[in-house]
C-alpha atoms as a PDB file:
ATOM      1  CA  MET A   1      33.602 -52.964 -24.255  1.00  0.00           C
ATOM      2  CA  MET A   2      33.465 -53.860 -20.575  1.00  0.00           C
ATOM      3  CA  THR A   3      32.805 -57.004 -18.619  1.00  0.00           C
ATOM      4  CA  ILE A   4      30.262 -56.952 -15.820  1.00  0.00           C
ATOM      5  CA  SER A   5      32.975 -56.496 -13.187  1.00  0.00           C
ATOM      6  CA  GLN A   6      34.538 -53.628 -15.169  1.00  0.00           C
ATOM      7  CA  LEU A   7      31.127 -51.973 -15.488  1.00  0.00           C
ATOM      8  CA  ALA A   8      30.469 -52.397 -11.769  1.00  0.00           C
ATOM      9  CA  LYS A   9      33.809 -50.814 -10.947  1.00  0.00           C
ATOM     10  CA  ALA A  10      33.324 -47.938 -13.427  1.00  0.00           C
ATOM     11  CA  ALA A  11      29.925 -47.109 -11.925  1.00  0.00           C
ATOM     12  CA  ASN A  12      30.960 -47.824  -8.334  1.00  0.00           C
ATOM     13  CA  VAL A  13      28.171 -50.380  -8.025  1.00  0.00           C
ATOM     14  CA  ASN A  14      28.130 -53.822  -6.442  1.00  0.00           C
ATOM     15  CA  LEU A  15      28.242 -56.736  -8.883  1.00  0.00           C
ATOM     16  CA  GLN A  16      25.089 -58.214  -7.333  1.00  0.00           C
ATOM     17  CA  THR A  17      23.314 -54.898  -7.906  1.00  0.00           C
ATOM     18  CA  LEU A  18      24.100 -55.140 -11.622  1.00  0.00           C
ATOM     19  CA  ARG A  19      22.748 -58.678 -11.773  1.00  0.00           C
ATOM     20  CA  PHE A  20      19.616 -57.549  -9.943  1.00  0.00           C
ATOM     21  CA  TYR A  21      19.116 -54.737 -12.478  1.00  0.00           C
ATOM     22  CA  GLU A  22      19.502 -57.275 -15.272  1.00  0.00           C
ATOM     23  CA  ARG A  23      16.830 -59.511 -13.707  1.00  0.00           C
ATOM     24  CA  ARG A  24      14.550 -56.450 -13.472  1.00  0.00           C
ATOM     25  CA  ARG A  25      15.350 -55.682 -17.151  1.00  0.00           C
ATOM     26  CA  LEU A  26      16.698 -52.222 -16.254  1.00  0.00           C
ATOM     27  CA  LEU A  27      20.037 -53.139 -17.759  1.00  0.00           C
ATOM     28  CA  VAL A  28      20.204 -55.519 -20.709  1.00  0.00           C
ATOM     29  CA  PRO A  29      23.563 -56.480 -22.168  1.00  0.00           C
ATOM     30  CA  THR A  30      23.253 -56.839 -25.923  1.00  0.00           C
ATOM     31  CA  LEU A  31      26.711 -58.144 -26.697  1.00  0.00           C
ATOM     32  CA  ARG A  32      28.576 -61.316 -25.777  1.00  0.00           C
ATOM     33  CA  SER A  33      32.216 -62.242 -26.012  1.00  0.00           C
ATOM     34  CA  ALA A  34      33.372 -65.292 -27.955  1.00  0.00           C
ATOM     35  CA  ALA A  35      33.410 -67.143 -24.633  1.00  0.00           C
ATOM     36  CA  GLY A  36      29.797 -66.117 -23.962  1.00  0.00           C
ATOM     37  CA  TYR A  37      30.470 -63.426 -21.330  1.00  0.00           C
ATOM     38  CA  ARG A  38      28.158 -60.427 -21.272  1.00  0.00           C
ATOM     39  CA  LEU A  39      29.752 -57.264 -22.596  1.00  0.00           C
ATOM     40  CA  TYR A  40      28.704 -53.713 -21.822  1.00  0.00           C
ATOM     41  CA  THR A  41      29.151 -50.435 -23.677  1.00  0.00           C
ATOM     42  CA  GLN A  42      29.512 -46.805 -22.651  1.00  0.00           C
ATOM     43  CA  ASP A  43      25.748 -46.503 -23.248  1.00  0.00           C
ATOM     44  CA  ASP A  44      25.214 -49.214 -20.645  1.00  0.00           C
ATOM     45  CA  LEU A  45      27.426 -47.278 -18.235  1.00  0.00           C
ATOM     46  CA  ARG A  46      25.405 -44.087 -18.864  1.00  0.00           C
ATOM     47  CA  ARG A  47      22.197 -46.052 -18.295  1.00  0.00           C
ATOM     48  CA  LEU A  48      23.554 -47.461 -15.035  1.00  0.00           C
ATOM     49  CA  VAL A  49      24.598 -44.005 -13.821  1.00  0.00           C
ATOM     50  CA  PHE A  50      21.119 -42.732 -14.761  1.00  0.00           C
ATOM     51  CA  ILE A  51      19.544 -45.517 -12.664  1.00  0.00           C
ATOM     52  CA  LYS A  52      21.719 -44.718  -9.635  1.00  0.00           C
ATOM     53  CA  ARG A  53      21.054 -40.973  -9.882  1.00  0.00           C
ATOM     54  CA  ALA A  54      17.302 -41.530 -10.206  1.00  0.00           C
ATOM     55  CA  GLN A  55      17.426 -43.776  -7.130  1.00  0.00           C
ATOM     56  CA  ALA A  56      19.297 -41.056  -5.247  1.00  0.00           C
ATOM     57  CA  LEU A  57      16.391 -38.726  -6.066  1.00  0.00           C
ATOM     58  CA  GLY A  58      13.985 -41.217  -4.500  1.00  0.00           C
ATOM     59  CA  PHE A  59      12.541 -42.865  -7.589  1.00  0.00           C
ATOM     60  CA  THR A  60      11.632 -46.534  -7.223  1.00  0.00           C
ATOM     61  CA  LEU A  61      12.933 -49.124  -9.664  1.00  0.00           C
ATOM     62  CA  LYS A  62       9.487 -49.321 -11.260  1.00  0.00           C
ATOM     63  CA  GLU A  63       9.487 -45.556 -11.741  1.00  0.00           C
ATOM     64  CA  ILE A  64      13.028 -45.699 -13.089  1.00  0.00           C
ATOM     65  CA  ALA A  65      11.939 -48.258 -15.682  1.00  0.00           C
ATOM     66  CA  GLU A  66       9.295 -45.751 -16.806  1.00  0.00           C
ATOM     67  CA  LEU A  67      11.895 -42.972 -16.886  1.00  0.00           C
ATOM     68  CA  LEU A  68      14.175 -45.131 -19.005  1.00  0.00           C
ATOM     69  CA  ASP A  69      11.306 -45.637 -21.450  1.00  0.00           C
ATOM     70  CA  LEU A  70      10.911 -41.862 -21.618  1.00  0.00           C
ATOM     71  CA  ARG A  71      14.545 -41.523 -22.638  1.00  0.00           C
ATOM     72  CA  VAL A  72      13.729 -43.520 -25.772  1.00  0.00           C
ATOM     73  CA  ARG A  73      10.604 -41.544 -26.703  1.00  0.00           C
ATOM     74  CA  ALA A  74      12.146 -38.069 -26.743  1.00  0.00           C
ATOM     75  CA  PRO A  75       9.299 -35.861 -28.129  1.00  0.00           C
ATOM     76  CA  GLU A  76       6.883 -36.313 -25.213  1.00  0.00           C
ATOM     77  CA  ALA A  77       9.556 -37.194 -22.674  1.00  0.00           C
ATOM     78  CA  CYS A  78      10.079 -33.734 -21.191  1.00  0.00           C
ATOM     79  CA  GLN A  79       6.438 -33.157 -20.266  1.00  0.00           C
ATOM     80  CA  ALA A  80       6.028 -36.679 -18.914  1.00  0.00           C
ATOM     81  CA  MET A  81       9.239 -36.317 -16.921  1.00  0.00           C
ATOM     82  CA  GLN A  82       8.024 -33.060 -15.416  1.00  0.00           C
ATOM     83  CA  GLN A  83       4.812 -34.771 -14.298  1.00  0.00           C
ATOM     84  CA  LYS A  84       6.753 -37.618 -12.716  1.00  0.00           C
ATOM     85  CA  ALA A  85       9.174 -35.207 -11.032  1.00  0.00           C
ATOM     86  CA  ARG A  86       6.270 -33.155  -9.628  1.00  0.00           C
ATOM     87  CA  ALA A  87       4.622 -36.306  -8.280  1.00  0.00           C
ATOM     88  CA  LYS A  88       7.918 -37.402  -6.704  1.00  0.00           C
ATOM     89  CA  LEU A  89       8.329 -33.944  -5.137  1.00  0.00           C
ATOM     90  CA  VAL A  90       4.887 -34.220  -3.531  1.00  0.00           C
ATOM     91  CA  THR A  91       5.834 -37.622  -2.120  1.00  0.00           C
ATOM     92  CA  VAL A  92       9.140 -36.302  -0.796  1.00  0.00           C
ATOM     93  CA  GLU A  93       7.452 -33.272   0.803  1.00  0.00           C
ATOM     94  CA  GLU A  94       4.933 -35.586   2.510  1.00  0.00           C
ATOM     95  CA  LYS A  95       7.797 -37.689   3.858  1.00  0.00           C
ATOM     96  CA  VAL A  96       9.551 -34.550   5.113  1.00  0.00           C
ATOM     97  CA  LYS A  97       6.369 -33.486   6.969  1.00  0.00           C
ATOM     98  CA  HIS A  98       6.111 -36.953   8.473  1.00  0.00           C
ATOM     99  CA  LEU A  99       9.764 -36.878   9.568  1.00  0.00           C
ATOM    100  CA  GLN A 100       9.356 -33.385  11.041  1.00  0.00           C
ATOM    101  CA  ALA A 101       6.356 -34.589  13.055  1.00  0.00           C
ATOM    102  CA  LEU A 102       8.373 -37.589  14.193  1.00  0.00           C
ATOM    103  CA  ALA A 103      11.221 -35.291  15.282  1.00  0.00           C
ATOM    104  CA  ARG A 104       8.773 -33.083  17.240  1.00  0.00           C
ATOM    105  CA  THR A 105       7.382 -36.148  18.979  1.00  0.00           C
ATOM    106  CA  LEU A 106      10.813 -37.454  19.876  1.00  0.00           C
ATOM    107  CA  ARG A 107      11.847 -34.014  21.181  1.00  0.00           C
ATOM    108  CA  ALA A 108       8.721 -33.899  23.366  1.00  0.00           C
ATOM    109  CA  LEU A 109       9.386 -37.377  24.710  1.00  0.00           C
ATOM    110  CA  LEU A 110      13.008 -36.533  25.462  1.00  0.00           C
ATOM    111  CA  GLN A 111      12.061 -33.236  27.070  1.00  0.00           C
ATOM    112  CA  ASN A 112       9.628 -35.041  29.386  1.00  0.00           C
ATOM    113  CA  CYS A 113      12.095 -37.759  30.234  1.00  0.00           C
ATOM    114  CA  THR A 114      14.248 -37.515  33.337  1.00  0.00           C
ATOM    115  CA  THR A 115      16.872 -39.918  34.573  1.00  0.00           C
ATOM    116  CA  ASP A 116      15.573 -39.979  38.144  1.00  0.00           C
ATOM    117  CA  LEU A 117      12.454 -41.973  37.195  1.00  0.00           C
ATOM    118  CA  SER A 118      14.250 -45.328  37.141  1.00  0.00           C
ATOM    119  CA  SER A 119      12.062 -46.728  39.922  1.00  0.00           C
ATOM    120  CA  TYR A 120       8.943 -45.839  37.946  1.00  0.00           C
ATOM    121  CA  GLY A 121      10.199 -46.922  34.561  1.00  0.00           C
ATOM    122  CA  CYS A 122      11.119 -44.970  31.498  1.00  0.00           C
ATOM    123  CA  PRO A 123       8.429 -42.481  30.431  1.00  0.00           C
ATOM    124  CA  ILE A 124       9.359 -42.941  26.765  1.00  0.00           C
ATOM    125  CA  LEU A 125       8.821 -46.705  26.982  1.00  0.00           C
ATOM    126  CA  GLN A 126       5.594 -46.170  28.916  1.00  0.00           C
ATOM    127  CA  SER A 127       4.344 -43.749  26.270  1.00  0.00           C
ATOM    128  CA  LEU A 128       5.069 -46.279  23.551  1.00  0.00           C
ATOM    129  CA  GLU A 129       3.282 -49.023  25.514  1.00  0.00           C
ATOM    130  CA  GLU A 130       0.244 -46.823  26.155  1.00  0.00           C
ATOM    131  CA  MET A 131      -0.010 -45.591  22.591  1.00  0.00           C
ATOM    132  CA  GLU A 132      -3.312 -46.339  20.891  1.00  0.00           C
ATOM    133  CA  PRO A 133      -2.985 -49.098  18.264  1.00  0.00           C
ATOM    134  CA  SER A 134      -4.366 -46.773  15.581  1.00  0.00           C
ATOM    135  CA  LEU A 135      -1.490 -44.384  16.253  1.00  0.00           C
ATOM    136  CA  ALA A 136       1.208 -47.040  15.875  1.00  0.00           C
ATOM    137  CA  SER A 137       1.920 -46.074  12.275  1.00  0.00           C
ATOM    138  CA  LYS A 138       1.679 -42.336  12.903  1.00  0.00           C
ATOM    139  CA  PRO A 139       4.550 -40.248  14.234  1.00  0.00           C
ATOM    140  CA  ARG A 140       2.615 -38.774  17.143  1.00  0.00           C
ATOM    141  CA  VAL A 141       3.208 -40.490  20.434  1.00  0.00           C
ATOM    142  CA  HIS A 142       1.583 -39.005  23.498  1.00  0.00           C
ATOM    143  CA  VAL A 143       3.317 -38.662  26.817  1.00  0.00           C
ATOM    144  CA  SER A 144       1.051 -40.399  29.290  1.00  0.00           C
ATOM    145  CA  ASN A 145      -0.573 -38.487  32.116  1.00  0.00           C
ATOM    146  CA  GLN A 146       0.748 -41.107  34.541  1.00  0.00           C
ATOM    147  CA  ALA A 147       4.335 -40.421  33.465  1.00  0.00           C
ATOM    148  CA  VAL A 148       3.789 -36.660  33.734  1.00  0.00           C
ATOM    149  CA  ASN A 149       2.108 -37.024  37.159  1.00  0.00           C
ATOM    150  CA  ARG A 150       4.946 -39.219  38.462  1.00  0.00           C
ATOM    151  CA  ARG A 151       7.497 -36.760  37.179  1.00  0.00           C
ATOM    152  CA  SER A 152       5.613 -33.849  38.751  1.00  0.00           C
ATOM    153  CA  SER A 153       5.366 -35.615  42.125  1.00  0.00           C
ATOM    154  CA  LEU A 154       9.065 -36.413  42.044  1.00  0.00           C
ATOM    155  CA  SER A 155      10.098 -32.869  41.233  1.00  0.00           C
ATOM    156  CA  ALA A 156       7.785 -31.507  43.961  1.00  0.00           C
ATOM    157  CA  SER A 157       9.438 -33.632  46.639  1.00  0.00           C
END
């Protein structure tokens, strides 16, 4: 048996995180000491480690609750888990594409940026200011023609 602080230490988790998981019903202590303190078992520790590992794979707490339910219903669990893992993989791959596009945009902005434009302002800031509102949530930021023209005129002189 472990107290909440012993469980937190064993799983390398913050005490507040454990309490949060309890409020979300991801972790439910079933035993109490004579003094009324919550007590945890090795099964609780395994459950907590499962939660942390699933989070590390990108699963949300809601998804983790569903995964924990699958652990209880073993016969159909494997197929359901495969479906959830495939769906998570698609989400992760979409995020990777988004991050790659963001990296390309930042590289382009940095490549077009020169330090000798201080009197004209920073072309990266200008590009962000001139960005269309509909593009604000997308990773593509255009380098303005004005910034390119100013840079071209400076390098020509």
